[in-house]
Amino acid sequence: VRSLNIGARVRRVFKSSGLVDEGGKTPRPYVLRRYFLNRCLEAQSKAGIPDRFVEFWAGHRGDVTAQYYTTGLPNLPNSLIEEMRIAYRRCEPFLSTIPTRAERDEREVHTRRLLLKVAGFTEAELKEIDVSSLPDAELARMVEERLGHRRAALPIERVFPSSEVDTMLANGWVFVSPLGSEQAVLRQVTGGSGAQGSAPSGPRP
């Protein structure tokens, strides 16, 4: 396959992806090499990718040392090839235009931890939970259960006629505030002697 054929195929892909200017011309395939080298330059700075690896990936022969002693040799050692694979995986977040698998997994773990935290789990509890391997059904059950406990612990406030205030206070309700001259807002204390079902039905605030 000649380079001309490869260039034509790349241009067709550019065109089908909408990468054309106002005159209908596509970019030169060389922009991919430029993009690759620019992104690798950032990866070298942030991920510690060796410069000789980048030169090798770009198809450059390199200096005399590279040509005769290192990456320019016809048969590279398996250990060096494996190191290149590892380094290239570190480059992937810089080269990809979509989130990588690792980035997606990291975001999912962050979202799951945030969901549990909003539900009421403490940092100490979250450290004991392997969020990444938690099945969706189990995660939903834990959140629903914890939110149910929080809702049950919320105080109940109701409006009572002034004539019933003394009775409800004796049953464990707590005075909150007056509501006009004939009504008052009372709060039921969790675990108190006044059960919700024993309270007279009245308008809620």
N, C-alpha and C. Protein backbone atom coordinates (compact mmCIF):
# COMPACT_ATOMS: atom_id res chain seq x y z
N VAL A 1 0.85 -1.18 0.00
CA VAL A 1 0.00 0.00 0.00
C VAL A 1 0.89 1.24 0.00
N ARG A 2 0.70 2.09 -0.98
CA ARG A 2 1.51 3.30 -1.07
C ARG A 2 0.96 4.39 -0.16
N SER A 3 1.82 5.33 0.19
CA SER A 3 1.40 6.44 1.07
C SER A 3 0.28 7.25 0.43
N LEU A 4 0.27 7.33 -0.92
CA LEU A 4 -0.79 8.07 -1.60
C LEU A 4 -2.15 7.44 -1.36
N ASN A 5 -2.19 6.09 -1.36
CA ASN A 5 -3.45 5.39 -1.11
C ASN A 5 -3.92 5.60 0.33
N ILE A 6 -2.97 5.55 1.24
CA ILE A 6 -3.31 5.77 2.65
C ILE A 6 -3.85 7.18 2.86
N GLY A 7 -3.18 8.17 2.23
CA GLY A 7 -3.62 9.56 2.35
C GLY A 7 -5.03 9.74 1.81
N ALA A 8 -5.34 9.08 0.69
CA ALA A 8 -6.68 9.20 0.10
C ALA A 8 -7.73 8.62 1.03
N ARG A 9 -7.43 7.52 1.67
CA ARG A 9 -8.38 6.91 2.60
C ARG A 9 -8.60 7.78 3.83
N VAL A 10 -7.53 8.38 4.32
CA VAL A 10 -7.65 9.28 5.47
C VAL A 10 -8.51 10.49 5.11
N ARG A 11 -8.31 11.03 3.93
CA ARG A 11 -9.12 12.17 3.49
C ARG A 11 -10.60 11.81 3.40
N ARG A 12 -10.89 10.59 2.94
CA ARG A 12 -12.29 10.16 2.86
C ARG A 12 -12.93 10.10 4.25
N VAL A 13 -12.15 9.64 5.21
CA VAL A 13 -12.65 9.60 6.59
C VAL A 13 -12.88 11.02 7.11
N PHE A 14 -11.94 11.92 6.82
CA PHE A 14 -12.11 13.32 7.21
C PHE A 14 -13.41 13.88 6.63
N LYS A 15 -13.63 13.61 5.37
CA LYS A 15 -14.80 14.16 4.68
C LYS A 15 -16.09 13.60 5.24
N SER A 16 -16.12 12.29 5.49
CA SER A 16 -17.33 11.68 6.04
C SER A 16 -17.61 12.15 7.46
N SER A 17 -16.57 12.62 8.15
CA SER A 17 -16.73 13.13 9.52
C SER A 17 -17.05 14.61 9.55
N GLY A 18 -17.11 15.25 8.37
CA GLY A 18 -17.44 16.67 8.31
C GLY A 18 -16.25 17.59 8.47
N LEU A 19 -15.04 17.05 8.40
CA LEU A 19 -13.84 17.88 8.53
C LEU A 19 -13.45 18.45 7.17
N VAL A 20 -14.22 19.43 6.73
CA VAL A 20 -13.95 20.09 5.46
C VAL A 20 -14.10 21.60 5.66
N ASP A 21 -13.36 22.36 4.86
CA ASP A 21 -13.47 23.80 4.96
C ASP A 21 -14.59 24.30 4.05
N GLU A 22 -14.72 25.62 3.92
CA GLU A 22 -15.80 26.19 3.12
C GLU A 22 -15.70 25.81 1.65
N GLY A 23 -14.50 25.53 1.20
CA GLY A 23 -14.32 25.14 -0.20
C GLY A 23 -14.47 23.65 -0.43
N GLY A 24 -14.80 22.90 0.64
CA GLY A 24 -14.97 21.46 0.51
C GLY A 24 -13.68 20.67 0.59
N LYS A 25 -12.58 21.34 0.96
CA LYS A 25 -11.30 20.65 1.04
C LYS A 25 -11.09 20.08 2.44
N THR A 26 -10.48 18.91 2.49
CA THR A 26 -10.19 18.27 3.78
C THR A 26 -8.77 18.63 4.22
N PRO A 27 -8.49 18.53 5.52
CA PRO A 27 -7.11 18.78 5.98
C PRO A 27 -6.15 17.74 5.41
N ARG A 28 -4.89 18.07 5.42
CA ARG A 28 -3.88 17.10 5.02
C ARG A 28 -3.76 16.03 6.10
N PRO A 29 -3.55 14.77 5.72
CA PRO A 29 -3.38 13.71 6.73
C PRO A 29 -2.26 14.00 7.72
N TYR A 30 -1.33 14.86 7.33
CA TYR A 30 -0.21 15.18 8.20
C TYR A 30 -0.66 15.83 9.51
N VAL A 31 -1.88 16.40 9.53
CA VAL A 31 -2.35 17.04 10.78
C VAL A 31 -2.46 16.00 11.89
N LEU A 32 -2.66 14.73 11.55
CA LEU A 32 -2.74 13.69 12.57
C LEU A 32 -1.39 13.52 13.26
N ARG A 33 -0.32 13.57 12.49
CA ARG A 33 1.02 13.48 13.08
C ARG A 33 1.28 14.69 13.98
N ARG A 34 0.89 15.86 13.50
CA ARG A 34 1.09 17.06 14.30
C ARG A 34 0.30 16.99 15.61
N TYR A 35 -0.95 16.52 15.51
CA TYR A 35 -1.78 16.37 16.71
C TYR A 35 -1.13 15.38 17.67
N PHE A 36 -0.68 14.25 17.12
CA PHE A 36 -0.07 13.22 17.95
C PHE A 36 1.16 13.74 18.69
N LEU A 37 2.03 14.42 17.98
CA LEU A 37 3.27 14.91 18.61
C LEU A 37 2.99 16.00 19.63
N ASN A 38 2.01 16.87 19.36
CA ASN A 38 1.69 17.92 20.32
C ASN A 38 1.10 17.34 21.59
N ARG A 39 0.23 16.35 21.44
CA ARG A 39 -0.37 15.74 22.63
C ARG A 39 0.66 14.93 23.40
N CYS A 40 1.58 14.27 22.69
CA CYS A 40 2.63 13.53 23.36
C CYS A 40 3.57 14.45 24.12
N LEU A 41 3.76 15.66 23.60
CA LEU A 41 4.61 16.63 24.30
C LEU A 41 4.02 16.95 25.67
N GLU A 42 2.69 17.10 25.72
CA GLU A 42 2.03 17.34 27.01
C GLU A 42 2.13 16.11 27.90
N ALA A 43 2.00 14.91 27.29
CA ALA A 43 2.12 13.68 28.05
C ALA A 43 3.52 13.52 28.63
N GLN A 44 4.53 13.95 27.88
CA GLN A 44 5.90 13.88 28.38
C GLN A 44 6.05 14.72 29.64
N SER A 45 5.40 15.87 29.66
CA SER A 45 5.52 16.78 30.79
C SER A 45 4.74 16.28 32.00
N LYS A 46 3.53 15.77 31.76
CA LYS A 46 2.64 15.42 32.88
C LYS A 46 2.71 13.95 33.28
N ALA A 47 3.04 13.07 32.33
CA ALA A 47 3.04 11.63 32.63
C ALA A 47 4.43 11.01 32.57
N GLY A 48 5.45 11.82 32.30
CA GLY A 48 6.82 11.31 32.31
C GLY A 48 7.14 10.33 31.21
N ILE A 49 6.63 10.58 29.99
CA ILE A 49 6.90 9.68 28.87
C ILE A 49 8.28 9.99 28.30
N PRO A 50 9.14 8.99 28.13
CA PRO A 50 10.48 9.24 27.59
C PRO A 50 10.42 9.82 26.17
N ASP A 51 11.31 10.74 25.90
CA ASP A 51 11.34 11.39 24.59
C ASP A 51 11.65 10.38 23.48
N ARG A 52 12.53 9.41 23.76
CA ARG A 52 12.89 8.43 22.74
C ARG A 52 11.69 7.56 22.35
N PHE A 53 10.79 7.32 23.29
CA PHE A 53 9.59 6.55 22.96
C PHE A 53 8.73 7.32 21.96
N VAL A 54 8.55 8.61 22.23
CA VAL A 54 7.72 9.43 21.34
C VAL A 54 8.33 9.50 19.95
N GLU A 55 9.64 9.65 19.87
CA GLU A 55 10.32 9.69 18.57
C GLU A 55 10.10 8.38 17.81
N PHE A 56 10.16 7.28 18.54
CA PHE A 56 9.97 5.97 17.93
C PHE A 56 8.54 5.82 17.41
N TRP A 57 7.56 6.21 18.22
CA TRP A 57 6.16 6.11 17.81
C TRP A 57 5.88 6.98 16.58
N ALA A 58 6.56 8.12 16.50
CA ALA A 58 6.34 9.03 15.38
C ALA A 58 7.03 8.55 14.10
N GLY A 59 7.84 7.50 14.20
CA GLY A 59 8.51 6.97 13.01
C GLY A 59 9.83 7.65 12.72
N HIS A 60 10.35 8.43 13.67
CA HIS A 60 11.64 9.10 13.47
C HIS A 60 12.80 8.15 13.78
N ARG A 61 13.85 8.28 13.04
CA ARG A 61 15.01 7.41 13.24
C ARG A 61 15.79 7.79 14.48
N GLY A 62 15.71 9.05 14.90
CA GLY A 62 16.41 9.49 16.09
C GLY A 62 17.88 9.77 15.83
N ASP A 63 18.60 10.05 16.90
CA ASP A 63 20.02 10.37 16.77
C ASP A 63 20.85 9.10 16.59
N VAL A 64 22.18 9.26 16.58
CA VAL A 64 23.08 8.12 16.35
C VAL A 64 22.91 7.06 17.42
N THR A 65 22.75 7.49 18.68
CA THR A 65 22.57 6.53 19.78
C THR A 65 21.32 5.70 19.58
N ALA A 66 20.24 6.37 19.18
CA ALA A 66 18.98 5.65 18.97
C ALA A 66 19.08 4.69 17.80
N GLN A 67 19.74 5.14 16.74
CA GLN A 67 19.81 4.31 15.53
C GLN A 67 20.61 3.03 15.74
N TYR A 68 21.70 3.12 16.52
CA TYR A 68 22.61 1.99 16.60
C TYR A 68 22.57 1.22 17.94
N TYR A 69 21.94 1.83 18.96
CA TYR A 69 22.03 1.19 20.26
C TYR A 69 20.68 0.99 20.98
N THR A 70 19.65 1.77 20.64
CA THR A 70 18.41 1.67 21.42
C THR A 70 17.20 1.42 20.52
N THR A 71 16.35 2.42 20.37
CA THR A 71 15.08 2.22 19.67
C THR A 71 15.24 2.03 18.16
N GLY A 72 16.44 2.30 17.62
CA GLY A 72 16.63 2.14 16.19
C GLY A 72 17.04 0.74 15.78
N LEU A 73 17.22 -0.14 16.74
CA LEU A 73 17.61 -1.51 16.43
C LEU A 73 16.47 -2.26 15.74
N PRO A 74 16.79 -3.18 14.85
CA PRO A 74 15.74 -3.90 14.12
C PRO A 74 14.88 -4.78 15.03
N ASN A 75 15.48 -5.34 16.08
CA ASN A 75 14.73 -6.21 17.00
C ASN A 75 14.85 -5.67 18.42
N LEU A 76 13.78 -5.08 18.91
CA LEU A 76 13.81 -4.51 20.26
C LEU A 76 13.59 -5.60 21.30
N PRO A 77 14.22 -5.49 22.46
CA PRO A 77 13.99 -6.46 23.53
C PRO A 77 12.51 -6.46 23.96
N ASN A 78 12.02 -7.62 24.36
CA ASN A 78 10.62 -7.72 24.79
C ASN A 78 10.33 -6.83 25.99
N SER A 79 11.31 -6.70 26.88
CA SER A 79 11.11 -5.85 28.05
C SER A 79 10.90 -4.40 27.66
N LEU A 80 11.65 -3.94 26.63
CA LEU A 80 11.51 -2.56 26.16
C LEU A 80 10.16 -2.35 25.47
N ILE A 81 9.73 -3.34 24.70
CA ILE A 81 8.42 -3.26 24.03
C ILE A 81 7.31 -3.16 25.07
N GLU A 82 7.43 -3.93 26.14
CA GLU A 82 6.40 -3.89 27.19
C GLU A 82 6.39 -2.53 27.89
N GLU A 83 7.58 -1.97 28.09
CA GLU A 83 7.67 -0.63 28.70
C GLU A 83 7.00 0.40 27.80
N MET A 84 7.17 0.24 26.48
CA MET A 84 6.52 1.15 25.54
C MET A 84 5.00 1.02 25.61
N ARG A 85 4.52 -0.20 25.75
CA ARG A 85 3.07 -0.41 25.87
C ARG A 85 2.52 0.29 27.10
N ILE A 86 3.23 0.14 28.21
CA ILE A 86 2.79 0.78 29.46
C ILE A 86 2.80 2.30 29.31
N ALA A 87 3.87 2.82 28.69
CA ALA A 87 3.98 4.27 28.50
C ALA A 87 2.87 4.78 27.58
N TYR A 88 2.56 4.00 26.54
CA TYR A 88 1.52 4.44 25.59
C TYR A 88 0.15 4.48 26.27
N ARG A 89 -0.10 3.56 27.20
CA ARG A 89 -1.36 3.60 27.94
C ARG A 89 -1.45 4.85 28.78
N ARG A 90 -0.31 5.32 29.29
CA ARG A 90 -0.31 6.57 30.04
C ARG A 90 -0.57 7.77 29.13
N CYS A 91 -0.25 7.61 27.86
CA CYS A 91 -0.48 8.68 26.88
C CYS A 91 -1.95 8.75 26.44
N GLU A 92 -2.66 7.65 26.55
CA GLU A 92 -3.99 7.55 25.97
C GLU A 92 -4.93 8.68 26.37
N PRO A 93 -4.98 9.08 27.66
CA PRO A 93 -5.89 10.19 28.01
C PRO A 93 -5.57 11.49 27.27
N PHE A 94 -4.31 11.68 26.88
CA PHE A 94 -3.92 12.89 26.16
C PHE A 94 -4.24 12.79 24.67
N LEU A 95 -4.27 11.58 24.15
CA LEU A 95 -4.49 11.39 22.72
C LEU A 95 -5.96 11.23 22.36
N SER A 96 -6.73 10.66 23.25
CA SER A 96 -8.13 10.36 22.95
C SER A 96 -8.99 11.61 22.98
N THR A 97 -9.95 11.68 22.06
CA THR A 97 -10.90 12.81 22.03
C THR A 97 -12.18 12.46 22.78
N ILE A 98 -12.28 11.24 23.32
CA ILE A 98 -13.41 10.83 24.15
C ILE A 98 -12.85 10.28 25.45
N PRO A 99 -13.66 10.23 26.52
CA PRO A 99 -13.16 9.71 27.79
C PRO A 99 -12.66 8.28 27.65
N THR A 100 -11.53 8.00 28.25
CA THR A 100 -10.99 6.64 28.22
C THR A 100 -11.71 5.77 29.23
N ARG A 101 -11.44 4.46 29.14
CA ARG A 101 -12.08 3.51 30.06
C ARG A 101 -11.74 3.86 31.52
N ALA A 102 -10.49 4.19 31.76
CA ALA A 102 -10.08 4.53 33.13
C ALA A 102 -10.79 5.78 33.62
N GLU A 103 -10.92 6.78 32.75
CA GLU A 103 -11.61 8.01 33.13
C GLU A 103 -13.08 7.76 33.40
N ARG A 104 -13.72 6.92 32.57
CA ARG A 104 -15.13 6.59 32.80
C ARG A 104 -15.32 5.86 34.13
N ASP A 105 -14.42 4.93 34.42
CA ASP A 105 -14.51 4.19 35.68
C ASP A 105 -14.32 5.13 36.87
N GLU A 106 -13.38 6.05 36.74
CA GLU A 106 -13.12 6.99 37.83
C GLU A 106 -14.33 7.90 38.07
N ARG A 107 -14.96 8.36 36.99
CA ARG A 107 -16.14 9.20 37.14
C ARG A 107 -17.30 8.44 37.76
N GLU A 108 -17.44 7.16 37.38
CA GLU A 108 -18.52 6.36 37.93
C GLU A 108 -18.33 6.14 39.43
N VAL A 109 -17.09 5.87 39.85
CA VAL A 109 -16.81 5.70 41.27
C VAL A 109 -17.10 6.99 42.03
N HIS A 110 -16.69 8.13 41.44
CA HIS A 110 -16.94 9.42 42.09
C HIS A 110 -18.45 9.67 42.23
N THR A 111 -19.22 9.35 41.18
CA THR A 111 -20.66 9.56 41.23
C THR A 111 -21.30 8.65 42.28
N ARG A 112 -20.86 7.40 42.35
CA ARG A 112 -21.42 6.47 43.33
C ARG A 112 -21.10 6.91 44.76
N ARG A 113 -19.88 7.37 44.99
CA ARG A 113 -19.50 7.86 46.33
C ARG A 113 -20.33 9.09 46.70
N LEU A 114 -20.52 9.98 45.72
CA LEU A 114 -21.30 11.19 45.98
C LEU A 114 -22.74 10.83 46.31
N LEU A 115 -23.30 9.85 45.60
CA LEU A 115 -24.68 9.42 45.85
C LEU A 115 -24.83 8.87 47.27
N LEU A 116 -23.88 8.05 47.68
CA LEU A 116 -23.93 7.50 49.03
C LEU A 116 -23.73 8.59 50.09
N LYS A 117 -22.88 9.55 49.78
CA LYS A 117 -22.64 10.63 50.73
C LYS A 117 -23.88 11.49 50.92
N VAL A 118 -24.57 11.79 49.82
CA VAL A 118 -25.81 12.57 49.90
C VAL A 118 -26.87 11.80 50.69
N ALA A 119 -26.86 10.47 50.57
CA ALA A 119 -27.83 9.65 51.29
C ALA A 119 -27.56 9.63 52.78
N GLY A 120 -26.35 10.05 53.19
CA GLY A 120 -26.07 10.12 54.62
C GLY A 120 -24.89 9.29 55.09
N PHE A 121 -24.17 8.64 54.18
CA PHE A 121 -23.01 7.85 54.58
C PHE A 121 -21.84 8.78 54.92
N THR A 122 -21.11 8.45 55.97
CA THR A 122 -19.97 9.25 56.38
C THR A 122 -18.72 8.81 55.61
N GLU A 123 -17.68 9.63 55.70
CA GLU A 123 -16.42 9.29 55.03
C GLU A 123 -15.83 8.00 55.59
N ALA A 124 -15.98 7.79 56.90
CA ALA A 124 -15.48 6.56 57.51
C ALA A 124 -16.21 5.34 56.95
N GLU A 125 -17.51 5.46 56.74
CA GLU A 125 -18.28 4.35 56.18
C GLU A 125 -17.90 4.10 54.72
N LEU A 126 -17.69 5.19 53.97
CA LEU A 126 -17.35 5.04 52.55
C LEU A 126 -16.01 4.35 52.36
N LYS A 127 -15.09 4.54 53.30
CA LYS A 127 -13.78 3.89 53.20
C LYS A 127 -13.90 2.37 53.33
N GLU A 128 -14.97 1.91 53.98
CA GLU A 128 -15.16 0.48 54.17
C GLU A 128 -15.94 -0.17 53.03
N ILE A 129 -16.41 0.64 52.06
CA ILE A 129 -17.24 0.13 50.97
C ILE A 129 -16.45 0.13 49.66
N ASP A 130 -16.43 -0.99 48.99
CA ASP A 130 -15.80 -1.08 47.66
C ASP A 130 -16.83 -0.62 46.63
N VAL A 131 -16.85 0.69 46.39
CA VAL A 131 -17.88 1.28 45.54
C VAL A 131 -17.79 0.78 44.11
N SER A 132 -16.58 0.54 43.63
CA SER A 132 -16.39 0.17 42.22
C SER A 132 -17.03 -1.17 41.87
N SER A 133 -17.07 -2.10 42.82
CA SER A 133 -17.61 -3.44 42.55
C SER A 133 -19.02 -3.63 43.10
N LEU A 134 -19.62 -2.56 43.60
CA LEU A 134 -20.95 -2.65 44.20
C LEU A 134 -22.01 -2.75 43.10
N PRO A 135 -22.83 -3.82 43.10
CA PRO A 135 -23.88 -3.94 42.07
C PRO A 135 -24.88 -2.78 42.17
N ASP A 136 -25.48 -2.42 41.04
CA ASP A 136 -26.42 -1.30 41.02
C ASP A 136 -27.59 -1.53 41.96
N ALA A 137 -28.10 -2.77 42.00
CA ALA A 137 -29.24 -3.08 42.86
C ALA A 137 -28.89 -2.90 44.33
N GLU A 138 -27.67 -3.31 44.71
CA GLU A 138 -27.24 -3.16 46.09
C GLU A 138 -27.03 -1.69 46.44
N LEU A 139 -26.48 -0.92 45.50
CA LEU A 139 -26.30 0.51 45.71
C LEU A 139 -27.64 1.19 45.93
N ALA A 140 -28.64 0.85 45.10
CA ALA A 140 -29.97 1.45 45.24
C ALA A 140 -30.60 1.08 46.58
N ARG A 141 -30.40 -0.17 47.00
CA ARG A 141 -30.97 -0.61 48.28
C ARG A 141 -30.35 0.15 49.45
N MET A 142 -29.02 0.33 49.41
CA MET A 142 -28.33 1.04 50.49
C MET A 142 -28.78 2.49 50.58
N VAL A 143 -28.92 3.14 49.40
CA VAL A 143 -29.35 4.54 49.39
C VAL A 143 -30.78 4.66 49.90
N GLU A 144 -31.66 3.79 49.44
CA GLU A 144 -33.07 3.85 49.85
C GLU A 144 -33.20 3.58 51.35
N GLU A 145 -32.44 2.62 51.84
CA GLU A 145 -32.50 2.29 53.26
C GLU A 145 -32.02 3.45 54.12
N ARG A 146 -30.89 4.05 53.72
CA ARG A 146 -30.35 5.16 54.53
C ARG A 146 -31.26 6.38 54.47
N LEU A 147 -31.82 6.68 53.29
CA LEU A 147 -32.74 7.81 53.19
C LEU A 147 -34.00 7.56 54.00
N GLY A 148 -34.45 6.29 54.04
CA GLY A 148 -35.63 5.95 54.85
C GLY A 148 -35.38 6.21 56.32
N HIS A 149 -34.19 5.88 56.81
CA HIS A 149 -33.85 6.15 58.20
C HIS A 149 -33.81 7.65 58.48
N ARG A 150 -33.29 8.41 57.53
CA ARG A 150 -33.21 9.86 57.72
C ARG A 150 -34.60 10.47 57.75
N ARG A 151 -35.48 9.99 56.85
CA ARG A 151 -36.85 10.53 56.83
C ARG A 151 -37.58 10.21 58.12
N ALA A 152 -37.34 8.99 58.65
CA ALA A 152 -38.00 8.60 59.89
C ALA A 152 -37.54 9.43 61.07
N ALA A 153 -36.30 9.93 60.98
CA ALA A 153 -35.76 10.72 62.09
C ALA A 153 -36.17 12.18 62.04
N LEU A 154 -36.80 12.62 60.94
CA LEU A 154 -37.20 14.01 60.83
C LEU A 154 -38.36 14.32 61.77
N PRO A 155 -38.34 15.45 62.45
CA PRO A 155 -39.46 15.80 63.34
C PRO A 155 -40.73 16.08 62.54
N ILE A 156 -41.88 15.78 63.15
CA ILE A 156 -43.18 16.01 62.53
C ILE A 156 -43.79 17.27 63.15
N GLU A 157 -44.14 18.23 62.34
CA GLU A 157 -44.78 19.45 62.80
C GLU A 157 -46.20 19.51 62.26
N ARG A 158 -47.13 19.89 63.16
CA ARG A 158 -48.53 19.98 62.76
C ARG A 158 -49.18 21.18 63.42
N VAL A 159 -50.30 21.58 62.86
CA VAL A 159 -51.07 22.70 63.39
C VAL A 159 -52.24 22.15 64.21
N PHE A 160 -52.40 22.67 65.43
CA PHE A 160 -53.50 22.25 66.29
C PHE A 160 -54.30 23.46 66.75
N PRO A 161 -55.56 23.26 67.00
CA PRO A 161 -56.36 24.34 67.61
C PRO A 161 -55.81 24.66 69.00
N SER A 162 -55.97 25.88 69.43
CA SER A 162 -55.44 26.30 70.73
C SER A 162 -56.04 25.48 71.86
N SER A 163 -57.27 25.02 71.67
CA SER A 163 -57.94 24.25 72.72
C SER A 163 -57.29 22.88 72.93
N GLU A 164 -56.51 22.38 71.97
CA GLU A 164 -55.89 21.06 72.08
C GLU A 164 -54.42 21.12 72.42
N VAL A 165 -53.86 22.32 72.53
CA VAL A 165 -52.42 22.46 72.73
C VAL A 165 -51.97 21.82 74.04
N ASP A 166 -52.73 22.08 75.14
CA ASP A 166 -52.32 21.53 76.44
C ASP A 166 -52.29 20.01 76.42
N THR A 167 -53.30 19.41 75.79
CA THR A 167 -53.35 17.95 75.72
C THR A 167 -52.18 17.39 74.95
N MET A 168 -51.84 18.03 73.80
CA MET A 168 -50.75 17.52 72.98
C MET A 168 -49.39 17.73 73.66
N LEU A 169 -49.24 18.82 74.39
CA LEU A 169 -47.99 19.03 75.13
C LEU A 169 -47.81 17.95 76.18
N ALA A 170 -48.92 17.55 76.80
CA ALA A 170 -48.85 16.48 77.79
C ALA A 170 -48.51 15.14 77.16
N ASN A 171 -48.82 14.98 75.87
CA ASN A 171 -48.53 13.74 75.15
C ASN A 171 -47.13 13.71 74.53
N GLY A 172 -46.33 14.74 74.80
CA GLY A 172 -44.96 14.72 74.32
C GLY A 172 -44.65 15.64 73.16
N TRP A 173 -45.63 16.37 72.64
CA TRP A 173 -45.37 17.33 71.58
C TRP A 173 -44.73 18.58 72.15
N VAL A 174 -44.01 19.31 71.31
CA VAL A 174 -43.27 20.50 71.74
C VAL A 174 -43.84 21.71 71.01
N PHE A 175 -44.01 22.78 71.76
CA PHE A 175 -44.55 24.01 71.15
C PHE A 175 -43.48 24.64 70.26
N VAL A 176 -43.89 25.04 69.03
CA VAL A 176 -42.98 25.68 68.09
C VAL A 176 -43.27 27.17 67.96
N SER A 177 -44.52 27.50 67.60
CA SER A 177 -44.89 28.91 67.44
C SER A 177 -46.40 29.03 67.36
N PRO A 178 -46.92 30.21 67.73
CA PRO A 178 -48.36 30.43 67.56
C PRO A 178 -48.69 30.65 66.09
N LEU A 179 -49.90 30.35 65.71
CA LEU A 179 -50.36 30.58 64.35
C LEU A 179 -51.70 31.32 64.44
N GLY A 180 -51.58 32.63 64.53
CA GLY A 180 -52.78 33.43 64.77
C GLY A 180 -53.17 33.34 66.23
N SER A 181 -54.43 33.63 66.52
CA SER A 181 -54.91 33.64 67.90
C SER A 181 -55.59 32.33 68.29
N GLU A 182 -55.87 31.45 67.31
CA GLU A 182 -56.66 30.26 67.62
C GLU A 182 -55.94 28.95 67.26
N GLN A 183 -54.70 29.02 66.76
CA GLN A 183 -53.97 27.82 66.40
C GLN A 183 -52.51 27.94 66.83
N ALA A 184 -51.82 26.79 66.85
CA ALA A 184 -50.40 26.77 67.20
C ALA A 184 -49.73 25.62 66.46
N VAL A 185 -48.43 25.82 66.19
CA VAL A 185 -47.63 24.78 65.55
C VAL A 185 -46.88 24.01 66.62
N LEU A 186 -47.04 22.67 66.60
CA LEU A 186 -46.37 21.80 67.56
C LEU A 186 -45.49 20.81 66.81
N ARG A 187 -44.43 20.37 67.48
CA ARG A 187 -43.52 19.38 66.87
C ARG A 187 -43.52 18.12 67.72
N GLN A 188 -43.63 16.99 67.01
CA GLN A 188 -43.58 15.70 67.69
C GLN A 188 -42.12 15.28 67.87
N VAL A 189 -41.71 15.03 69.09
CA VAL A 189 -40.35 14.62 69.39
C VAL A 189 -40.20 13.15 69.07
N THR A 190 -39.14 12.80 68.29
CA THR A 190 -38.90 11.41 67.91
C THR A 190 -38.68 10.56 69.16
N GLY A 191 -39.46 9.49 69.25
CA GLY A 191 -39.33 8.60 70.41
C GLY A 191 -40.13 9.07 71.60
N GLY A 192 -40.89 10.19 71.44
CA GLY A 192 -41.69 10.70 72.54
C GLY A 192 -42.93 9.85 72.75
N SER A 193 -43.70 10.17 73.80
CA SER A 193 -44.88 9.38 74.12
C SER A 193 -46.04 9.68 73.22
N GLY A 194 -46.01 10.84 72.53
CA GLY A 194 -47.11 11.19 71.65
C GLY A 194 -46.95 10.55 70.30
N ALA A 195 -47.70 9.52 69.97
CA ALA A 195 -47.61 8.86 68.68
C ALA A 195 -48.36 9.64 67.65
N GLN A 196 -47.91 9.52 66.40
CA GLN A 196 -48.54 10.28 65.33
C GLN A 196 -50.00 9.89 65.18
N GLY A 197 -50.29 8.58 65.33
CA GLY A 197 -51.65 8.14 65.13
C GLY A 197 -52.59 8.63 66.21
N SER A 198 -52.07 9.00 67.42
CA SER A 198 -52.94 9.43 68.52
C SER A 198 -53.29 10.89 68.43
N ALA A 199 -52.62 11.64 67.53
CA ALA A 199 -52.89 13.07 67.42
C ALA A 199 -54.15 13.29 66.64
N PRO A 200 -54.98 14.26 67.06
CA PRO A 200 -56.19 14.58 66.30
C PRO A 200 -55.82 15.03 64.90
N SER A 201 -56.64 14.66 63.95
CA SER A 201 -56.37 15.09 62.58
C SER A 201 -56.66 16.56 62.45
N GLY A 202 -55.72 17.30 61.91
CA GLY A 202 -55.90 18.73 61.74
C GLY A 202 -55.18 19.17 60.51
N PRO A 203 -55.34 20.38 60.08
CA PRO A 203 -54.68 20.86 58.87
C PRO A 203 -53.17 20.90 59.05
N ARG A 204 -52.44 20.45 58.04
CA ARG A 204 -50.98 20.52 58.08
C ARG A 204 -50.51 21.88 57.60
N PRO A 205 -49.35 22.33 58.07
CA PRO A 205 -48.84 23.65 57.62
C PRO A 205 -48.46 23.63 56.18
